Structure formats: C-alpha cells, structure tokens
C-alpha cells in the first residue's frame, strides 16, 4: 500500500487541492482521492507532485507491505 503526505505538504504551502491539481494537470478529485488513499499515482504524477513541493518522491510517498 502506498501512503502519502500530500495533505501535510499542501498545508505547509497554504495550497488548496484545486491549486495543486492545476499545477500537476489533474482534477481536484484526483488529489482528494490520493490523499484518502483511494488512488495510487502514476510515477509521472508522483514526480510532478514532489516537484511542486521541491522534495523527492520518497518525502511524500512511502510504500508499506
């Protein structure tokens, strides 16, 4: 299972789901589903989200077996 810290990073940057979605080219609902763990991102999407926050993918996404 993939866990993420998207909501935490959005809060640190005072960013809404809509703003993040616009920056990475997805719908707001996709960001919401990612935050709730209902959706696993593609590698490209994970990379783009990490790039927005200026951190590595591993800072935001972790895998638990």
PDB file of N, CA and C in Angstrom:
ATOM      1  N   UNK A   1       0.850  -1.186   0.000  1.00  0.00           N
ATOM      2  CA  UNK A   1       0.000   0.000   0.000  1.00  0.00           C
ATOM      3  C   UNK A   1       0.890   1.243   0.000  1.00  0.00           C
ATOM      4  N   UNK A   2       0.482   2.229  -0.749  1.00  0.00           N
ATOM      5  CA  UNK A   2       1.223   3.489  -0.819  1.00  0.00           C
ATOM      6  C   UNK A   2       0.553   4.510   0.102  1.00  0.00           C
ATOM      7  N   UNK A   3       1.356   5.087   0.985  1.00  0.00           N
ATOM      8  CA  UNK A   3       0.880   6.166   1.854  1.00  0.00           C
ATOM      9  C   UNK A   3       1.497   7.471   1.353  1.00  0.00           C
ATOM     10  N   UNK A   4       0.817   8.569   1.622  1.00  0.00           N
ATOM     11  CA  UNK A   4       1.371   9.845   1.168  1.00  0.00           C
ATOM     12  C   UNK A   4       1.169  10.941   2.203  1.00  0.00           C
ATOM     13  N   UNK A   5       1.922  12.004   2.009  1.00  0.00           N
ATOM     14  CA  UNK A   5       1.874  13.173   2.884  1.00  0.00           C
ATOM     15  C   UNK A   5       1.446  14.421   2.104  1.00  0.00           C
ATOM     16  N   UNK A   6       0.637  14.215   1.078  1.00  0.00           N
ATOM     17  CA  UNK A   6       0.225  15.333   0.225  1.00  0.00           C
ATOM     18  C   UNK A   6      -0.501  16.400   1.032  1.00  0.00           C
ATOM     19  N   UNK A   7      -1.446  15.985   1.853  1.00  0.00           N
ATOM     20  CA  UNK A   7      -2.225  16.955   2.634  1.00  0.00           C
ATOM     21  C   UNK A   7      -1.318  17.771   3.545  1.00  0.00           C
ATOM     22  N   UNK A   8      -0.356  17.110   4.163  1.00  0.00           N
ATOM     23  CA  UNK A   8       0.603  17.800   5.042  1.00  0.00           C
ATOM     24  C   UNK A   8       1.412  18.838   4.257  1.00  0.00           C
ATOM     25  N   UNK A   9       1.900  18.453   3.087  1.00  0.00           N
ATOM     26  CA  UNK A   9       2.689  19.386   2.273  1.00  0.00           C
ATOM     27  C   UNK A   9       1.836  20.523   1.728  1.00  0.00           C
ATOM     28  N   UNK A  10       0.579  20.235   1.376  1.00  0.00           N
ATOM     29  CA  UNK A  10      -0.304  21.316   0.939  1.00  0.00           C
ATOM     30  C   UNK A  10      -0.502  22.327   2.046  1.00  0.00           C
ATOM     31  N   UNK A  11      -0.695  21.828   3.270  1.00  0.00           N
ATOM     32  CA  UNK A  11      -0.903  22.725   4.414  1.00  0.00           C
ATOM     33  C   UNK A  11       0.329  23.595   4.654  1.00  0.00           C
ATOM     34  N   UNK A  12       1.502  22.997   4.565  1.00  0.00           N
ATOM     35  CA  UNK A  12       2.750  23.756   4.757  1.00  0.00           C
ATOM     36  C   UNK A  12       2.889  24.882   3.742  1.00  0.00           C
ATOM     37  N   UNK A  13       2.345  24.657   2.546  1.00  0.00           N
ATOM     38  CA  UNK A  13       2.460  25.639   1.470  1.00  0.00           C
ATOM     39  C   UNK A  13       1.173  26.447   1.260  1.00  0.00           C
ATOM     40  N   UNK A  14       0.238  26.325   2.206  1.00  0.00           N
ATOM     41  CA  UNK A  14      -1.045  27.038   2.105  1.00  0.00           C
ATOM     42  C   UNK A  14      -1.664  26.866   0.715  1.00  0.00           C
ATOM     43  N   UNK A  15      -1.752  25.631   0.275  1.00  0.00           N
ATOM     44  CA  UNK A  15      -2.227  25.325  -1.064  1.00  0.00           C
ATOM     45  C   UNK A  15      -3.501  24.478  -0.993  1.00  0.00           C
ATOM     46  N   UNK A  16      -4.457  24.817  -1.819  1.00  0.00           N
ATOM     47  CA  UNK A  16      -5.699  24.039  -1.876  1.00  0.00           C
ATOM     48  C   UNK A  16      -5.509  22.826  -2.791  1.00  0.00           C
ATOM     49  N   UNK A  17      -6.437  21.898  -2.698  1.00  0.00           N
ATOM     50  CA  UNK A  17      -6.419  20.753  -3.610  1.00  0.00           C
ATOM     51  C   UNK A  17      -6.541  21.241  -5.050  1.00  0.00           C
ATOM     52  N   UNK A  18      -7.373  22.228  -5.265  1.00  0.00           N
ATOM     53  CA  UNK A  18      -7.587  22.778  -6.607  1.00  0.00           C
ATOM     54  C   UNK A  18      -6.287  23.367  -7.171  1.00  0.00           C
ATOM     55  N   UNK A  19      -5.558  24.100  -6.345  1.00  0.00           N
ATOM     56  CA  UNK A  19      -4.300  24.700  -6.805  1.00  0.00           C
ATOM     57  C   UNK A  19      -3.275  23.631  -7.168  1.00  0.00           C
ATOM     58  N   UNK A  20      -3.133  22.621  -6.307  1.00  0.00           N
ATOM     59  CA  UNK A  20      -2.189  21.551  -6.595  1.00  0.00           C
ATOM     60  C   UNK A  20      -2.599  20.800  -7.859  1.00  0.00           C
ATOM     61  N   UNK A  21      -3.874  20.510  -7.978  1.00  0.00           N
ATOM     62  CA  UNK A  21      -4.375  19.800  -9.162  1.00  0.00           C
ATOM     63  C   UNK A  21      -4.040  20.572 -10.435  1.00  0.00           C
ATOM     64  N   UNK A  22      -4.237  21.872 -10.401  1.00  0.00           N
ATOM     65  CA  UNK A  22      -3.940  22.696 -11.564  1.00  0.00           C
ATOM     66  C   UNK A  22      -2.454  22.651 -11.910  1.00  0.00           C
ATOM     67  N   UNK A  23      -1.603  22.679 -10.912  1.00  0.00           N
ATOM     68  CA  UNK A  23      -0.158  22.669 -11.147  1.00  0.00           C
ATOM     69  C   UNK A  23       0.344  21.348 -11.731  1.00  0.00           C
ATOM     70  N   UNK A  24      -0.323  20.256 -11.397  1.00  0.00           N
ATOM     71  CA  UNK A  24       0.141  18.942 -11.881  1.00  0.00           C
ATOM     72  C   UNK A  24      -0.721  18.377 -13.006  1.00  0.00           C
ATOM     73  N   UNK A  25      -1.771  19.092 -13.395  1.00  0.00           N
ATOM     74  CA  UNK A  25      -2.564  18.698 -14.555  1.00  0.00           C
ATOM     75  C   UNK A  25      -3.581  17.599 -14.330  1.00  0.00           C
ATOM     76  N   UNK A  26      -4.175  17.580 -13.127  1.00  0.00           N
ATOM     77  CA  UNK A  26      -5.242  16.614 -12.847  1.00  0.00           C
ATOM     78  C   UNK A  26      -6.439  17.357 -12.268  1.00  0.00           C
ATOM     79  N   UNK A  27      -7.528  16.629 -12.043  1.00  0.00           N
ATOM     80  CA  UNK A  27      -8.713  17.229 -11.422  1.00  0.00           C
ATOM     81  C   UNK A  27      -8.546  17.264  -9.905  1.00  0.00           C
ATOM     82  N   UNK A  28      -9.265  18.174  -9.261  1.00  0.00           N
ATOM     83  CA  UNK A  28      -9.213  18.278  -7.804  1.00  0.00           C
ATOM     84  C   UNK A  28      -9.586  16.963  -7.148  1.00  0.00           C
ATOM     85  N   UNK A  29     -10.547  16.258  -7.726  1.00  0.00           N
ATOM     86  CA  UNK A  29     -10.992  14.989  -7.163  1.00  0.00           C
ATOM     87  C   UNK A  29      -9.854  13.967  -7.107  1.00  0.00           C
ATOM     88  N   UNK A  30      -8.963  14.026  -8.074  1.00  0.00           N
ATOM     89  CA  UNK A  30      -7.815  13.110  -8.080  1.00  0.00           C
ATOM     90  C   UNK A  30      -6.928  13.365  -6.875  1.00  0.00           C
ATOM     91  N   UNK A  31      -6.683  14.618  -6.563  1.00  0.00           N
ATOM     92  CA  UNK A  31      -5.867  14.959  -5.393  1.00  0.00           C
ATOM     93  C   UNK A  31      -6.568  14.479  -4.127  1.00  0.00           C
ATOM     94  N   UNK A  32      -7.864  14.698  -4.024  1.00  0.00           N
ATOM     95  CA  UNK A  32      -8.628  14.227  -2.867  1.00  0.00           C
ATOM     96  C   UNK A  32      -8.549  12.724  -2.707  1.00  0.00           C
ATOM     97  N   UNK A  33      -8.693  12.011  -3.815  1.00  0.00           N
ATOM     98  CA  UNK A  33      -8.612  10.550  -3.761  1.00  0.00           C
ATOM     99  C   UNK A  33      -7.209  10.064  -3.403  1.00  0.00           C
ATOM    100  N   UNK A  34      -6.200  10.760  -3.874  1.00  0.00           N
ATOM    101  CA  UNK A  34      -4.825  10.423  -3.481  1.00  0.00           C
ATOM    102  C   UNK A  34      -4.646  10.590  -1.979  1.00  0.00           C
ATOM    103  N   UNK A  35      -5.099  11.722  -1.458  1.00  0.00           N
ATOM    104  CA  UNK A  35      -4.943  11.995  -0.027  1.00  0.00           C
ATOM    105  C   UNK A  35      -5.665  10.967   0.834  1.00  0.00           C
ATOM    106  N   UNK A  36      -6.783  10.465   0.364  1.00  0.00           N
ATOM    107  CA  UNK A  36      -7.560   9.482   1.121  1.00  0.00           C
ATOM    108  C   UNK A  36      -7.090   8.047   0.891  1.00  0.00           C
ATOM    109  N   UNK A  37      -6.086   7.874   0.035  1.00  0.00           N
ATOM    110  CA  UNK A  37      -5.573   6.538  -0.229  1.00  0.00           C
ATOM    111  C   UNK A  37      -6.442   5.699  -1.145  1.00  0.00           C
ATOM    112  N   UNK A  38      -7.342   6.333  -1.853  1.00  0.00           N
ATOM    113  CA  UNK A  38      -8.241   5.613  -2.763  1.00  0.00           C
ATOM    114  C   UNK A  38      -7.630   5.401  -4.144  1.00  0.00           C
ATOM    115  N   UNK A  39      -6.517   6.064  -4.384  1.00  0.00           N
ATOM    116  CA  UNK A  39      -5.917   6.057  -5.710  1.00  0.00           C
ATOM    117  C   UNK A  39      -4.406   6.086  -5.561  1.00  0.00           C
ATOM    118  N   UNK A  40      -3.708   5.241  -6.330  1.00  0.00           N
ATOM    119  CA  UNK A  40      -2.252   5.268  -6.357  1.00  0.00           C
ATOM    120  C   UNK A  40      -1.812   6.054  -7.586  1.00  0.00           C
ATOM    121  N   UNK A  41      -0.893   6.981  -7.401  1.00  0.00           N
ATOM    122  CA  UNK A  41      -0.494   7.824  -8.526  1.00  0.00           C
ATOM    123  C   UNK A  41       0.408   7.086  -9.504  1.00  0.00           C
ATOM    124  N   UNK A  42       0.396   7.546 -10.736  1.00  0.00           N
ATOM    125  CA  UNK A  42       1.394   7.076 -11.697  1.00  0.00           C
ATOM    126  C   UNK A  42       2.738   7.653 -11.254  1.00  0.00           C
ATOM    127  N   UNK A  43       3.794   7.104 -11.773  1.00  0.00           N
ATOM    128  CA  UNK A  43       5.121   7.616 -11.441  1.00  0.00           C
ATOM    129  C   UNK A  43       5.259   9.070 -11.869  1.00  0.00           C
ATOM    130  N   UNK A  44       4.726   9.397 -13.029  1.00  0.00           N
ATOM    131  CA  UNK A  44       4.804  10.778 -13.526  1.00  0.00           C
ATOM    132  C   UNK A  44       4.055  11.732 -12.594  1.00  0.00           C
ATOM    133  N   UNK A  45       2.865  11.351 -12.160  1.00  0.00           N
ATOM    134  CA  UNK A  45       2.100  12.202 -11.255  1.00  0.00           C
ATOM    135  C   UNK A  45       2.820  12.364  -9.918  1.00  0.00           C
ATOM    136  N   UNK A  46       3.349  11.272  -9.386  1.00  0.00           N
ATOM    137  CA  UNK A  46       4.096  11.350  -8.123  1.00  0.00           C
ATOM    138  C   UNK A  46       5.288  12.285  -8.277  1.00  0.00           C
ATOM    139  N   UNK A  47       5.991  12.156  -9.385  1.00  0.00           N
ATOM    140  CA  UNK A  47       7.155  13.010  -9.665  1.00  0.00           C
ATOM    141  C   UNK A  47       6.727  14.485  -9.729  1.00  0.00           C
ATOM    142  N   UNK A  48       5.643  14.761 -10.428  1.00  0.00           N
ATOM    143  CA  UNK A  48       5.172  16.144 -10.574  1.00  0.00           C
ATOM    144  C   UNK A  48       4.736  16.739  -9.245  1.00  0.00           C
ATOM    145  N   UNK A  49       4.076  15.958  -8.416  1.00  0.00           N
ATOM    146  CA  UNK A  49       3.660  16.449  -7.099  1.00  0.00           C
ATOM    147  C   UNK A  49       4.891  16.768  -6.257  1.00  0.00           C
ATOM    148  N   UNK A  50       5.859  15.873  -6.247  1.00  0.00           N
ATOM    149  CA  UNK A  50       7.088  16.104  -5.481  1.00  0.00           C
ATOM    150  C   UNK A  50       7.809  17.350  -5.988  1.00  0.00           C
ATOM    151  N   UNK A  51       7.829  17.536  -7.303  1.00  0.00           N
ATOM    152  CA  UNK A  51       8.497  18.691  -7.899  1.00  0.00           C
ATOM    153  C   UNK A  51       7.841  20.000  -7.467  1.00  0.00           C
ATOM    154  N   UNK A  52       6.522  20.018  -7.370  1.00  0.00           N
ATOM    155  CA  UNK A  52       5.806  21.224  -6.932  1.00  0.00           C
ATOM    156  C   UNK A  52       6.292  21.651  -5.545  1.00  0.00           C
ATOM    157  N   UNK A  53       6.518  20.659  -4.662  1.00  0.00           N
ATOM    158  CA  UNK A  53       6.929  20.969  -3.296  1.00  0.00           C
ATOM    159  C   UNK A  53       8.441  21.019  -3.116  1.00  0.00           C
ATOM    160  N   UNK A  54       9.190  20.730  -4.176  1.00  0.00           N
ATOM    161  CA  UNK A  54      10.648  20.815  -4.117  1.00  0.00           C
ATOM    162  C   UNK A  54      11.291  19.740  -3.259  1.00  0.00           C
ATOM    163  N   UNK A  55      10.686  18.560  -3.235  1.00  0.00           N
ATOM    164  CA  UNK A  55      11.221  17.449  -2.439  1.00  0.00           C
ATOM    165  C   UNK A  55      11.286  16.193  -3.313  1.00  0.00           C
ATOM    166  N   UNK A  56      11.902  15.144  -2.789  1.00  0.00           N
ATOM    167  CA  UNK A  56      11.961  13.881  -3.514  1.00  0.00           C
ATOM    168  C   UNK A  56      10.619  13.157  -3.398  1.00  0.00           C
ATOM    169  N   UNK A  57      10.394  12.234  -4.304  1.00  0.00           N
ATOM    170  CA  UNK A  57       9.167  11.432  -4.262  1.00  0.00           C
ATOM    171  C   UNK A  57       9.051  10.721  -2.919  1.00  0.00           C
ATOM    172  N   UNK A  58      10.184  10.227  -2.399  1.00  0.00           N
ATOM    173  CA  UNK A  58      10.180   9.482  -1.138  1.00  0.00           C
ATOM    174  C   UNK A  58       9.767  10.320   0.067  1.00  0.00           C
ATOM    175  N   UNK A  59       9.897  11.641  -0.051  1.00  0.00           N
ATOM    176  CA  UNK A  59       9.458  12.519   1.030  1.00  0.00           C
ATOM    177  C   UNK A  59       7.932  12.533   1.146  1.00  0.00           C
ATOM    178  N   UNK A  60       7.258  12.331   0.036  1.00  0.00           N
ATOM    179  CA  UNK A  60       5.804  12.406   0.022  1.00  0.00           C
ATOM    180  C   UNK A  60       5.158  11.028   0.004  1.00  0.00           C
ATOM    181  N   UNK A  61       5.731  10.112  -0.742  1.00  0.00           N
ATOM    182  CA  UNK A  61       5.137   8.781  -0.910  1.00  0.00           C
ATOM    183  C   UNK A  61       6.004   7.707  -0.272  1.00  0.00           C
ATOM    184  N   UNK A  62       5.369   6.833   0.498  1.00  0.00           N
ATOM    185  CA  UNK A  62       6.058   5.684   1.089  1.00  0.00           C
ATOM    186  C   UNK A  62       5.242   4.429   0.810  1.00  0.00           C
ATOM    187  N   UNK A  63       5.951   3.322   0.708  1.00  0.00           N
ATOM    188  CA  UNK A  63       5.296   2.047   0.436  1.00  0.00           C
ATOM    189  C   UNK A  63       5.385   1.162   1.665  1.00  0.00           C
ATOM    190  N   UNK A  64       4.240   0.638   2.088  1.00  0.00           N
ATOM    191  CA  UNK A  64       4.192  -0.313   3.190  1.00  0.00           C
ATOM    192  C   UNK A  64       3.665  -1.632   2.653  1.00  0.00           C
ATOM    193  N   UNK A  65       4.354  -2.698   3.013  1.00  0.00           N
ATOM    194  CA  UNK A  65       3.927  -4.018   2.530  1.00  0.00           C
ATOM    195  C   UNK A  65       3.024  -4.687   3.539  1.00  0.00           C
TER     196      UNK A  65
END
